[in-house]
Amino acid sequence: MRHVPRVQLRAAASSPPSLSLPRRHRVTTLSTASLLEHQHLAGDGSAGLTSYEAAQDAQERHRARFLAWKGLPEKSRTAEGCPRPLLISFESTPTFTLGRRQDDLAPEQRAHLERPLHVRLLRRPEPIERLFRPQVKKTNRGGLTTYHGPGQLVLWPVLDMHSSLYSKYSVATFASHLEAATQQLLSEVFDLETYTNRDEPGVWVRASSGQPRKIAALGVHHRRHVTALGTAINIDVSVRGGEDVNPWARFVPCGLEGKLATSVAAELGGAAQGMSFEMAALARRWASIFEEGLTDASRRGAGLER
């Protein structure tokens, strides 16, 4: 019998914002450990939601710092001047994103995705019940259409895969690190058994019967070994019902042909009743797990298979 998940995690005290964002957005620094800095974005007055564009802007600002430092002559690069790895976490307003190689949508396809979406999420400190008009955005990731929205925790580490602070990552091993951190979070906090598949990126829920179910999406982009994007975990996002409430019903998500999207709440079923999902606290725990992997990699050094 599944134990009652420990979801009442508490976020650390906030500190002054350090990213330049529009005034309507706020940044909470949840951890400033020795290696990884973690900043959680939240939009004022929207139950903790932020726009996809604001998160993307924060990511690209920090990525630009890394690229500027790497562009300096080698003798001018100092350890003190090197940016710290940064994890940006957020919960997005409803947004459908397209892959960089994907054809532009026809007007009727775009209008279909942009139809009003009813979001009703009550298992959270600030309940949400309202209509949203989703946005459609082109991104620099691979793959096809996917969705980001309320009830989904998005985690974007911005770091140099070839940093001297830890063993070098390839794109494949960095993706595996993202998946492993997500699997540990889901197991530790929610007692969910998951698996990964090299041919189908992301994290999947094991099922003795029925269709495979995807609980976390994965997308990584890198430029000169500096990462962007990351993973998105479906915590309490709607994955059932018609197109008016279930965003996944409006399209075939990337990697889900003949498969299903799922969420923590859907997998827990009745056990989720009375629970409150605190996204910032869950993000902080994921950050801790992710950083443990980085520091373990540093200690293991050349022992890691790359």
C-alpha atoms as a PDB file:
ATOM      1  CA  MET A   1       0.000   0.000   0.000  1.00  0.00           C
ATOM      2  CA  ARG A   2       1.420   3.396  -1.001  1.00  0.00           C
ATOM      3  CA  HIS A   3       2.426   5.595   1.926  1.00  0.00           C
ATOM      4  CA  VAL A   4       1.116   9.151   2.204  1.00  0.00           C
ATOM      5  CA  PRO A   5       3.494  11.294   0.104  1.00  0.00           C
ATOM      6  CA  ARG A   6       5.453  14.010   1.875  1.00  0.00           C
ATOM      7  CA  VAL A   7       4.446  17.029  -0.171  1.00  0.00           C
ATOM      8  CA  GLN A   8       4.365  19.711   2.514  1.00  0.00           C
ATOM      9  CA  LEU A   9       7.923  20.831   1.772  1.00  0.00           C
ATOM     10  CA  ARG A  10       8.786  24.361   2.837  1.00  0.00           C
ATOM     11  CA  ALA A  11      10.597  26.828   0.652  1.00  0.00           C
ATOM     12  CA  ALA A  12      13.628  28.657   1.969  1.00  0.00           C
ATOM     13  CA  ALA A  13      13.425  32.320   2.893  1.00  0.00           C
ATOM     14  CA  SER A  14      13.566  34.588  -0.091  1.00  0.00           C
ATOM     15  CA  SER A  15      16.297  37.080  -0.873  1.00  0.00           C
ATOM     16  CA  PRO A  16      16.371  40.129  -3.120  1.00  0.00           C
ATOM     17  CA  PRO A  17      15.937  39.488  -6.850  1.00  0.00           C
ATOM     18  CA  SER A  18      19.133  39.192  -8.873  1.00  0.00           C
ATOM     19  CA  LEU A  19      17.697  38.789 -12.374  1.00  0.00           C
ATOM     20  CA  SER A  20      16.417  41.685 -14.434  1.00  0.00           C
ATOM     21  CA  LEU A  21      12.771  40.878 -15.164  1.00  0.00           C
ATOM     22  CA  PRO A  22       9.638  42.939 -15.860  1.00  0.00           C
ATOM     23  CA  ARG A  23       8.236  44.452 -12.687  1.00  0.00           C
ATOM     24  CA  ARG A  24       5.189  42.185 -12.748  1.00  0.00           C
ATOM     25  CA  HIS A  25       7.478  39.180 -12.142  1.00  0.00           C
ATOM     26  CA  ARG A  26       9.402  38.314  -9.018  1.00  0.00           C
ATOM     27  CA  VAL A  27      12.392  36.060  -8.465  1.00  0.00           C
ATOM     28  CA  THR A  28      12.907  34.106  -5.270  1.00  0.00           C
ATOM     29  CA  THR A  29      16.360  32.725  -4.578  1.00  0.00           C
ATOM     30  CA  LEU A  30      15.584  29.380  -2.982  1.00  0.00           C
ATOM     31  CA  SER A  31      19.128  28.141  -2.540  1.00  0.00           C
ATOM     32  CA  THR A  32      22.645  29.455  -2.950  1.00  0.00           C
ATOM     33  CA  ALA A  33      24.690  26.359  -2.217  1.00  0.00           C
ATOM     34  CA  SER A  34      28.381  26.111  -3.006  1.00  0.00           C
ATOM     35  CA  LEU A  35      27.850  25.100  -6.619  1.00  0.00           C
ATOM     36  CA  LEU A  36      24.302  25.633  -7.902  1.00  0.00           C
ATOM     37  CA  GLU A  37      22.196  28.758  -7.564  1.00  0.00           C
ATOM     38  CA  HIS A  38      18.440  28.194  -7.769  1.00  0.00           C
ATOM     39  CA  GLN A  39      15.928  30.894  -8.618  1.00  0.00           C
ATOM     40  CA  HIS A  40      12.193  30.309  -8.777  1.00  0.00           C
ATOM     41  CA  LEU A  41      10.183  32.699 -10.947  1.00  0.00           C
ATOM     42  CA  ALA A  42       6.652  33.689 -10.032  1.00  0.00           C
ATOM     43  CA  GLY A  43       4.229  36.221 -11.457  1.00  0.00           C
ATOM     44  CA  ASP A  44       2.521  38.590  -9.058  1.00  0.00           C
ATOM     45  CA  GLY A  45      -1.213  38.124  -8.798  1.00  0.00           C
ATOM     46  CA  SER A  46      -1.340  34.882 -10.821  1.00  0.00           C
ATOM     47  CA  ALA A  47      -1.117  32.186  -8.117  1.00  0.00           C
ATOM     48  CA  GLY A  48       2.598  31.785  -8.692  1.00  0.00           C
ATOM     49  CA  LEU A  49       2.446  31.578 -12.495  1.00  0.00           C
ATOM     50  CA  THR A  50       4.921  33.301 -14.792  1.00  0.00           C
ATOM     51  CA  SER A  51       4.934  33.727 -18.545  1.00  0.00           C
ATOM     52  CA  TYR A  52       7.009  31.436 -20.732  1.00  0.00           C
ATOM     53  CA  GLU A  53       8.653  34.532 -22.253  1.00  0.00           C
ATOM     54  CA  ALA A  54       9.824  35.814 -18.841  1.00  0.00           C
ATOM     55  CA  ALA A  55      11.415  32.454 -18.024  1.00  0.00           C
ATOM     56  CA  GLN A  56      13.013  32.270 -21.447  1.00  0.00           C
ATOM     57  CA  ASP A  57      14.416  35.777 -21.030  1.00  0.00           C
ATOM     58  CA  ALA A  58      15.916  34.913 -17.619  1.00  0.00           C
ATOM     59  CA  GLN A  59      17.489  31.793 -19.103  1.00  0.00           C
ATOM     60  CA  GLU A  60      19.016  33.620 -22.060  1.00  0.00           C
ATOM     61  CA  ARG A  61      20.417  36.404 -19.864  1.00  0.00           C
ATOM     62  CA  HIS A  62      22.360  33.918 -17.761  1.00  0.00           C
ATOM     63  CA  ARG A  63      23.363  31.906 -20.790  1.00  0.00           C
ATOM     64  CA  ALA A  64      24.750  35.088 -22.359  1.00  0.00           C
ATOM     65  CA  ARG A  65      26.943  35.587 -19.271  1.00  0.00           C
ATOM     66  CA  PHE A  66      28.413  32.120 -19.729  1.00  0.00           C
ATOM     67  CA  LEU A  67      29.014  32.642 -23.448  1.00  0.00           C
ATOM     68  CA  ALA A  68      30.610  36.056 -22.862  1.00  0.00           C
ATOM     69  CA  TRP A  69      32.975  34.538 -20.278  1.00  0.00           C
ATOM     70  CA  LYS A  70      33.851  31.641 -22.586  1.00  0.00           C
ATOM     71  CA  GLY A  71      34.514  34.145 -25.377  1.00  0.00           C
ATOM     72  CA  LEU A  72      37.303  35.829 -23.413  1.00  0.00           C
ATOM     73  CA  PRO A  73      40.954  34.962 -24.154  1.00  0.00           C
ATOM     74  CA  GLU A  74      41.895  31.950 -22.051  1.00  0.00           C
ATOM     75  CA  LYS A  75      44.382  33.922 -19.945  1.00  0.00           C
ATOM     76  CA  SER A  76      41.634  36.415 -19.080  1.00  0.00           C
ATOM     77  CA  ARG A  77      39.199  33.824 -17.754  1.00  0.00           C
ATOM     78  CA  THR A  78      39.286  33.727 -13.989  1.00  0.00           C
ATOM     79  CA  ALA A  79      37.433  31.353 -11.693  1.00  0.00           C
ATOM     80  CA  GLU A  80      35.972  34.364  -9.890  1.00  0.00           C
ATOM     81  CA  GLY A  81      34.589  35.752 -13.150  1.00  0.00           C
ATOM     82  CA  CYS A  82      32.981  32.530 -14.277  1.00  0.00           C
ATOM     83  CA  PRO A  83      29.174  32.534 -13.827  1.00  0.00           C
ATOM     84  CA  ARG A  84      27.733  29.983 -11.417  1.00  0.00           C
ATOM     85  CA  PRO A  85      25.469  27.211 -12.674  1.00  0.00           C
ATOM     86  CA  LEU A  86      21.890  28.425 -12.332  1.00  0.00           C
ATOM     87  CA  LEU A  87      18.637  26.489 -12.074  1.00  0.00           C
ATOM     88  CA  ILE A  88      15.571  28.433 -13.167  1.00  0.00           C
ATOM     89  CA  SER A  89      12.275  26.890 -12.073  1.00  0.00           C
ATOM     90  CA  PHE A  90       8.777  28.132 -12.811  1.00  0.00           C
ATOM     91  CA  GLU A  91       5.152  27.278 -13.402  1.00  0.00           C
ATOM     92  CA  SER A  92       4.026  28.698 -16.737  1.00  0.00           C
ATOM     93  CA  THR A  93       0.851  30.319 -17.897  1.00  0.00           C
ATOM     94  CA  PRO A  94      -0.699  28.032 -20.585  1.00  0.00           C
ATOM     95  CA  THR A  95       1.671  27.852 -23.559  1.00  0.00           C
ATOM     96  CA  PHE A  96       2.043  25.473 -26.489  1.00  0.00           C
ATOM     97  CA  THR A  97       5.631  25.404 -27.777  1.00  0.00           C
ATOM     98  CA  LEU A  98       6.858  24.288 -31.194  1.00  0.00           C
ATOM     99  CA  GLY A  99      10.233  22.740 -32.059  1.00  0.00           C
ATOM    100  CA  ARG A 100      12.747  24.714 -34.115  1.00  0.00           C
ATOM    101  CA  ARG A 101      12.478  22.377 -37.138  1.00  0.00           C
ATOM    102  CA  GLN A 102       8.699  22.222 -36.993  1.00  0.00           C
ATOM    103  CA  ASP A 103       6.712  23.850 -39.773  1.00  0.00           C
ATOM    104  CA  ASP A 104       4.721  26.905 -38.801  1.00  0.00           C
ATOM    105  CA  LEU A 105       1.141  26.129 -37.944  1.00  0.00           C
ATOM    106  CA  ALA A 106      -1.672  26.940 -40.324  1.00  0.00           C
ATOM    107  CA  PRO A 107      -3.983  29.690 -39.011  1.00  0.00           C
ATOM    108  CA  GLU A 108      -6.716  27.185 -38.174  1.00  0.00           C
ATOM    109  CA  GLN A 109      -4.238  24.969 -36.275  1.00  0.00           C
ATOM    110  CA  ARG A 110      -2.986  27.914 -34.232  1.00  0.00           C
ATOM    111  CA  ALA A 111      -6.535  29.081 -33.526  1.00  0.00           C
ATOM    112  CA  HIS A 112      -7.394  25.575 -32.324  1.00  0.00           C
ATOM    113  CA  LEU A 113      -4.556  25.587 -29.772  1.00  0.00           C
ATOM    114  CA  GLU A 114      -5.389  29.128 -28.664  1.00  0.00           C
ATOM    115  CA  ARG A 115      -9.012  28.324 -27.775  1.00  0.00           C
ATOM    116  CA  PRO A 116      -9.902  29.167 -24.133  1.00  0.00           C
ATOM    117  CA  LEU A 117      -8.721  26.561 -21.628  1.00  0.00           C
ATOM    118  CA  HIS A 118     -10.482  26.098 -18.300  1.00  0.00           C
ATOM    119  CA  VAL A 119      -7.936  25.490 -15.521  1.00  0.00           C
ATOM    120  CA  ARG A 120      -9.188  24.269 -12.155  1.00  0.00           C
ATOM    121  CA  LEU A 121      -6.450  23.442  -9.659  1.00  0.00           C
ATOM    122  CA  LEU A 122      -7.458  23.378  -6.013  1.00  0.00           C
ATOM    123  CA  ARG A 123      -4.661  21.273  -4.442  1.00  0.00           C
ATOM    124  CA  ARG A 124      -2.258  24.191  -3.971  1.00  0.00           C
ATOM    125  CA  PRO A 125      -1.679  27.072  -1.541  1.00  0.00           C
ATOM    126  CA  GLU A 126      -3.295  29.513  -4.025  1.00  0.00           C
ATOM    127  CA  PRO A 127      -6.086  27.676  -5.907  1.00  0.00           C
ATOM    128  CA  ILE A 128      -6.645  28.482  -9.580  1.00  0.00           C
ATOM    129  CA  GLU A 129     -10.026  28.367 -11.299  1.00  0.00           C
ATOM    130  CA  ARG A 130     -10.286  30.489 -14.422  1.00  0.00           C
ATOM    131  CA  LEU A 131     -10.237  30.571 -18.210  1.00  0.00           C
ATOM    132  CA  PHE A 132      -6.909  31.121 -19.982  1.00  0.00           C
ATOM    133  CA  ARG A 133      -6.199  31.776 -23.634  1.00  0.00           C
ATOM    134  CA  PRO A 134      -3.028  29.748 -24.327  1.00  0.00           C
ATOM    135  CA  GLN A 135      -0.141  31.228 -26.286  1.00  0.00           C
ATOM    136  CA  VAL A 136       1.766  29.459 -29.076  1.00  0.00           C
ATOM    137  CA  LYS A 137       5.538  29.954 -29.146  1.00  0.00           C
ATOM    138  CA  LYS A 138       8.386  28.783 -31.381  1.00  0.00           C
ATOM    139  CA  THR A 139      11.434  27.517 -29.442  1.00  0.00           C
ATOM    140  CA  ASN A 140      15.002  26.425 -30.190  1.00  0.00           C
ATOM    141  CA  ARG A 141      14.531  22.870 -28.912  1.00  0.00           C
ATOM    142  CA  GLY A 142      14.139  19.801 -31.101  1.00  0.00           C
ATOM    143  CA  GLY A 143      10.959  17.791 -31.374  1.00  0.00           C
ATOM    144  CA  LEU A 144       7.380  18.784 -32.039  1.00  0.00           C
ATOM    145  CA  THR A 145       4.561  20.498 -30.140  1.00  0.00           C
ATOM    146  CA  THR A 146       4.378  20.268 -26.363  1.00  0.00           C
ATOM    147  CA  TYR A 147       2.572  22.091 -23.575  1.00  0.00           C
ATOM    148  CA  HIS A 148       3.570  24.057 -20.474  1.00  0.00           C
ATOM    149  CA  GLY A 149       1.024  25.327 -17.997  1.00  0.00           C
ATOM    150  CA  PRO A 150      -0.370  25.569 -14.471  1.00  0.00           C
ATOM    151  CA  GLY A 151       0.222  22.451 -12.405  1.00  0.00           C
ATOM    152  CA  GLN A 152       3.441  21.608 -14.233  1.00  0.00           C
ATOM    153  CA  LEU A 153       6.872  22.243 -12.721  1.00  0.00           C
ATOM    154  CA  VAL A 154       9.453  23.396 -15.279  1.00  0.00           C
ATOM    155  CA  LEU A 155      13.165  23.144 -14.411  1.00  0.00           C
ATOM    156  CA  TRP A 156      15.847  24.699 -16.624  1.00  0.00           C
ATOM    157  CA  PRO A 157      19.500  24.322 -15.531  1.00  0.00           C
ATOM    158  CA  VAL A 158      21.842  26.801 -17.241  1.00  0.00           C
ATOM    159  CA  LEU A 159      25.402  25.524 -16.956  1.00  0.00           C
ATOM    160  CA  ASP A 160      28.569  24.695 -18.859  1.00  0.00           C
ATOM    161  CA  MET A 161      28.656  20.956 -19.585  1.00  0.00           C
ATOM    162  CA  HIS A 162      32.461  21.227 -19.897  1.00  0.00           C
ATOM    163  CA  SER A 163      33.061  23.163 -16.688  1.00  0.00           C
ATOM    164  CA  SER A 164      36.110  22.330 -14.591  1.00  0.00           C
ATOM    165  CA  LEU A 165      33.838  22.227 -11.500  1.00  0.00           C
ATOM    166  CA  TYR A 166      32.654  18.714 -12.351  1.00  0.00           C
ATOM    167  CA  SER A 167      33.303  15.971 -14.867  1.00  0.00           C
ATOM    168  CA  LYS A 168      32.407  16.818 -18.432  1.00  0.00           C
ATOM    169  CA  TYR A 169      28.947  15.952 -19.672  1.00  0.00           C
ATOM    170  CA  SER A 170      27.899  14.933 -23.144  1.00  0.00           C
ATOM    171  CA  VAL A 171      24.398  15.858 -24.285  1.00  0.00           C
ATOM    172  CA  ALA A 172      23.269  12.281 -23.588  1.00  0.00           C
ATOM    173  CA  THR A 173      24.727  12.055 -20.091  1.00  0.00           C
ATOM    174  CA  PHE A 174      23.420  15.502 -19.156  1.00  0.00           C
ATOM    175  CA  ALA A 175      19.950  14.402 -20.280  1.00  0.00           C
ATOM    176  CA  SER A 176      20.343  11.271 -18.152  1.00  0.00           C
ATOM    177  CA  HIS A 177      21.220  13.475 -15.165  1.00  0.00           C
ATOM    178  CA  LEU A 178      17.997  15.463 -15.651  1.00  0.00           C
ATOM    179  CA  GLU A 179      15.965  12.269 -15.878  1.00  0.00           C
ATOM    180  CA  ALA A 180      17.637  10.709 -12.829  1.00  0.00           C
ATOM    181  CA  ALA A 181      16.948  13.786 -10.671  1.00  0.00           C
ATOM    182  CA  THR A 182      13.309  13.714 -11.744  1.00  0.00           C
ATOM    183  CA  GLN A 183      12.975  10.013 -11.027  1.00  0.00           C
ATOM    184  CA  GLN A 184      14.461  10.438  -7.562  1.00  0.00           C
ATOM    185  CA  LEU A 185      12.075  13.300  -6.753  1.00  0.00           C
ATOM    186  CA  LEU A 186       9.042  11.287  -7.848  1.00  0.00           C
ATOM    187  CA  SER A 187      10.158   8.252  -5.888  1.00  0.00           C
ATOM    188  CA  GLU A 188      11.240  10.078  -2.736  1.00  0.00           C
ATOM    189  CA  VAL A 189       8.318  12.486  -2.399  1.00  0.00           C
ATOM    190  CA  PHE A 190       5.445  10.628  -4.078  1.00  0.00           C
ATOM    191  CA  ASP A 191       6.517   6.964  -3.978  1.00  0.00           C
ATOM    192  CA  LEU A 192       6.043   6.681  -7.753  1.00  0.00           C
ATOM    193  CA  GLU A 193       7.971   4.067  -9.705  1.00  0.00           C
ATOM    194  CA  THR A 194       9.208   5.397 -13.048  1.00  0.00           C
ATOM    195  CA  TYR A 195      11.518   4.403 -15.870  1.00  0.00           C
ATOM    196  CA  THR A 196      13.401   5.942 -18.783  1.00  0.00           C
ATOM    197  CA  ASN A 197      13.813   4.802 -22.364  1.00  0.00           C
ATOM    198  CA  ARG A 198      16.757   5.859 -24.499  1.00  0.00           C
ATOM    199  CA  ASP A 199      14.553   5.953 -27.603  1.00  0.00           C
ATOM    200  CA  GLU A 200      11.811   8.019 -25.920  1.00  0.00           C
ATOM    201  CA  PRO A 201      13.262  10.905 -23.854  1.00  0.00           C
ATOM    202  CA  GLY A 202      11.576  11.861 -20.608  1.00  0.00           C
ATOM    203  CA  VAL A 203      10.317   9.990 -17.567  1.00  0.00           C
ATOM    204  CA  TRP A 204       7.597   7.361 -17.785  1.00  0.00           C
ATOM    205  CA  VAL A 205       5.367   5.647 -15.245  1.00  0.00           C
ATOM    206  CA  ARG A 206       5.523   1.876 -15.086  1.00  0.00           C
ATOM    207  CA  ALA A 207       2.261   0.103 -15.812  1.00  0.00           C
ATOM    208  CA  SER A 208       1.538  -3.608 -15.532  1.00  0.00           C
ATOM    209  CA  SER A 209      -1.041  -3.184 -18.284  1.00  0.00           C
ATOM    210  CA  GLY A 210      -2.348  -0.491 -20.584  1.00  0.00           C
ATOM    211  CA  GLN A 211      -0.544   2.262 -22.476  1.00  0.00           C
ATOM    212  CA  PRO A 212       2.789   3.757 -21.330  1.00  0.00           C
ATOM    213  CA  ARG A 213       2.287   7.066 -19.517  1.00  0.00           C
ATOM    214  CA  LYS A 214       4.675  10.026 -19.712  1.00  0.00           C
ATOM    215  CA  ILE A 215       4.941  12.093 -16.533  1.00  0.00           C
ATOM    216  CA  ALA A 216       7.905  14.359 -17.388  1.00  0.00           C
ATOM    217  CA  ALA A 217       9.084  15.776 -20.700  1.00  0.00           C
ATOM    218  CA  LEU A 218      12.715  16.416 -21.606  1.00  0.00           C
ATOM    219  CA  GLY A 219      14.279  18.886 -24.001  1.00  0.00           C
ATOM    220  CA  VAL A 220      17.886  20.092 -24.050  1.00  0.00           C
ATOM    221  CA  HIS A 221      19.537  22.724 -26.221  1.00  0.00           C
ATOM    222  CA  HIS A 222      23.204  23.684 -25.993  1.00  0.00           C
ATOM    223  CA  ARG A 223      25.476  26.290 -27.510  1.00  0.00           C
ATOM    224  CA  ARG A 224      29.215  25.985 -26.963  1.00  0.00           C
ATOM    225  CA  HIS A 225      28.341  23.409 -24.283  1.00  0.00           C
ATOM    226  CA  VAL A 226      26.165  25.904 -22.351  1.00  0.00           C
ATOM    227  CA  THR A 227      22.747  24.387 -21.717  1.00  0.00           C
ATOM    228  CA  ALA A 228      19.215  25.677 -22.086  1.00  0.00           C
ATOM    229  CA  LEU A 229      15.793  24.159 -21.457  1.00  0.00           C
ATOM    230  CA  GLY A 230      15.548  21.033 -19.302  1.00  0.00           C
ATOM    231  CA  THR A 231      12.598  19.077 -17.933  1.00  0.00           C
ATOM    232  CA  ALA A 232       8.915  19.644 -17.165  1.00  0.00           C
ATOM    233  CA  ILE A 233       7.137  17.477 -14.576  1.00  0.00           C
ATOM    234  CA  ASN A 234       3.359  17.117 -14.638  1.00  0.00           C
ATOM    235  CA  ILE A 235       2.372  17.537 -10.983  1.00  0.00           C
ATOM    236  CA  ASP A 236      -1.325  18.471 -11.036  1.00  0.00           C
ATOM    237  CA  VAL A 237      -1.933  19.513 -14.642  1.00  0.00           C
ATOM    238  CA  SER A 238      -5.128  18.152 -16.203  1.00  0.00           C
ATOM    239  CA  VAL A 239      -4.471  15.073 -18.352  1.00  0.00           C
ATOM    240  CA  ARG A 240      -8.058  13.843 -18.748  1.00  0.00           C
ATOM    241  CA  GLY A 241     -11.274  15.151 -20.236  1.00  0.00           C
ATOM    242  CA  GLY A 242     -12.069  17.105 -23.386  1.00  0.00           C
ATOM    243  CA  GLU A 243     -10.196  19.902 -25.109  1.00  0.00           C
ATOM    244  CA  ASP A 244     -11.834  22.566 -22.954  1.00  0.00           C
ATOM    245  CA  VAL A 245      -9.982  21.326 -19.839  1.00  0.00           C
ATOM    246  CA  ASN A 246      -7.256  18.952 -21.070  1.00  0.00           C
ATOM    247  CA  PRO A 247      -4.554  20.678 -23.171  1.00  0.00           C
ATOM    248  CA  TRP A 248      -3.082  17.314 -24.232  1.00  0.00           C
ATOM    249  CA  ALA A 249      -6.361  16.510 -26.035  1.00  0.00           C
ATOM    250  CA  ARG A 250      -5.708  19.329 -28.533  1.00  0.00           C
ATOM    251  CA  PHE A 251      -2.627  17.782 -30.167  1.00  0.00           C
ATOM    252  CA  VAL A 252      -0.386  14.715 -30.269  1.00  0.00           C
ATOM    253  CA  PRO A 253       2.419  15.617 -27.845  1.00  0.00           C
ATOM    254  CA  CYS A 254       6.016  15.047 -28.868  1.00  0.00           C
ATOM    255  CA  GLY A 255       6.867  11.409 -28.191  1.00  0.00           C
ATOM    256  CA  LEU A 256       3.298  10.405 -27.262  1.00  0.00           C
ATOM    257  CA  GLU A 257       1.992   8.811 -30.464  1.00  0.00           C
ATOM    258  CA  GLY A 258      -0.109   5.932 -29.159  1.00  0.00           C
ATOM    259  CA  LYS A 259       0.811   6.776 -25.555  1.00  0.00           C
ATOM    260  CA  LEU A 260      -0.655   8.924 -22.766  1.00  0.00           C
ATOM    261  CA  ALA A 261       0.339  11.946 -20.718  1.00  0.00           C
ATOM    262  CA  THR A 262      -0.065  11.579 -16.960  1.00  0.00           C
ATOM    263  CA  SER A 263       0.571  13.558 -13.780  1.00  0.00           C
ATOM    264  CA  VAL A 264       1.463  12.965 -10.146  1.00  0.00           C
ATOM    265  CA  ALA A 265      -2.126  13.710  -9.105  1.00  0.00           C
ATOM    266  CA  ALA A 266      -3.542  11.311 -11.706  1.00  0.00           C
ATOM    267  CA  GLU A 267      -1.184   8.527 -10.605  1.00  0.00           C
ATOM    268  CA  LEU A 268      -1.922   9.022  -6.906  1.00  0.00           C
ATOM    269  CA  GLY A 269      -5.670   8.987  -7.505  1.00  0.00           C
ATOM    270  CA  GLY A 270      -7.613   9.128  -4.245  1.00  0.00           C
ATOM    271  CA  ALA A 271      -4.400   9.460  -2.246  1.00  0.00           C
ATOM    272  CA  ALA A 272      -4.055  13.010  -3.632  1.00  0.00           C
ATOM    273  CA  GLN A 273      -7.202  14.180  -1.870  1.00  0.00           C
ATOM    274  CA  GLY A 274      -6.421  16.718   0.837  1.00  0.00           C
ATOM    275  CA  MET A 275      -2.869  17.268  -0.431  1.00  0.00           C
ATOM    276  CA  SER A 276      -1.372  20.635  -1.323  1.00  0.00           C
ATOM    277  CA  PHE A 277       1.304  20.761  -4.015  1.00  0.00           C
ATOM    278  CA  GLU A 278       3.838  23.534  -3.322  1.00  0.00           C
ATOM    279  CA  MET A 279       5.740  24.038  -6.564  1.00  0.00           C
ATOM    280  CA  ALA A 280       8.554  26.182  -5.156  1.00  0.00           C
ATOM    281  CA  ALA A 281       9.262  23.617  -2.445  1.00  0.00           C
ATOM    282  CA  LEU A 282       9.243  20.734  -4.924  1.00  0.00           C
ATOM    283  CA  ALA A 283      11.593  22.736  -7.147  1.00  0.00           C
ATOM    284  CA  ARG A 284      13.946  23.275  -4.222  1.00  0.00           C
ATOM    285  CA  ARG A 285      14.084  19.531  -3.535  1.00  0.00           C
ATOM    286  CA  TRP A 286      14.745  18.778  -7.219  1.00  0.00           C
ATOM    287  CA  ALA A 287      17.536  21.369  -7.169  1.00  0.00           C
ATOM    288  CA  SER A 288      19.141  19.653  -4.190  1.00  0.00           C
ATOM    289  CA  ILE A 289      19.007  16.263  -5.914  1.00  0.00           C
ATOM    290  CA  PHE A 290      20.350  17.735  -9.150  1.00  0.00           C
ATOM    291  CA  GLU A 291      23.237  19.438  -7.354  1.00  0.00           C
ATOM    292  CA  GLU A 292      24.092  16.246  -5.488  1.00  0.00           C
ATOM    293  CA  GLY A 293      24.534  14.634  -8.897  1.00  0.00           C
ATOM    294  CA  LEU A 294      26.877  17.410 -10.015  1.00  0.00           C
ATOM    295  CA  THR A 295      29.031  17.183  -6.901  1.00  0.00           C
ATOM    296  CA  ASP A 296      29.051  13.377  -7.082  1.00  0.00           C
ATOM    297  CA  ALA A 297      30.250  13.680 -10.664  1.00  0.00           C
ATOM    298  CA  SER A 298      33.017  15.990  -9.481  1.00  0.00           C
ATOM    299  CA  ARG A 299      34.140  13.457  -6.875  1.00  0.00           C
ATOM    300  CA  ARG A 300      33.987  10.509  -9.237  1.00  0.00           C
ATOM    301  CA  GLY A 301      35.873  12.429 -11.895  1.00  0.00           C
ATOM    302  CA  ALA A 302      37.148  10.233 -14.674  1.00  0.00           C
ATOM    303  CA  GLY A 303      35.239   7.290 -13.240  1.00  0.00           C
ATOM    304  CA  LEU A 304      32.064   8.490 -14.962  1.00  0.00           C
ATOM    305  CA  GLU A 305      31.253   6.993 -18.326  1.00  0.00           C
ATOM    306  CA  ARG A 306      30.889   9.748 -20.876  1.00  0.00           C
END
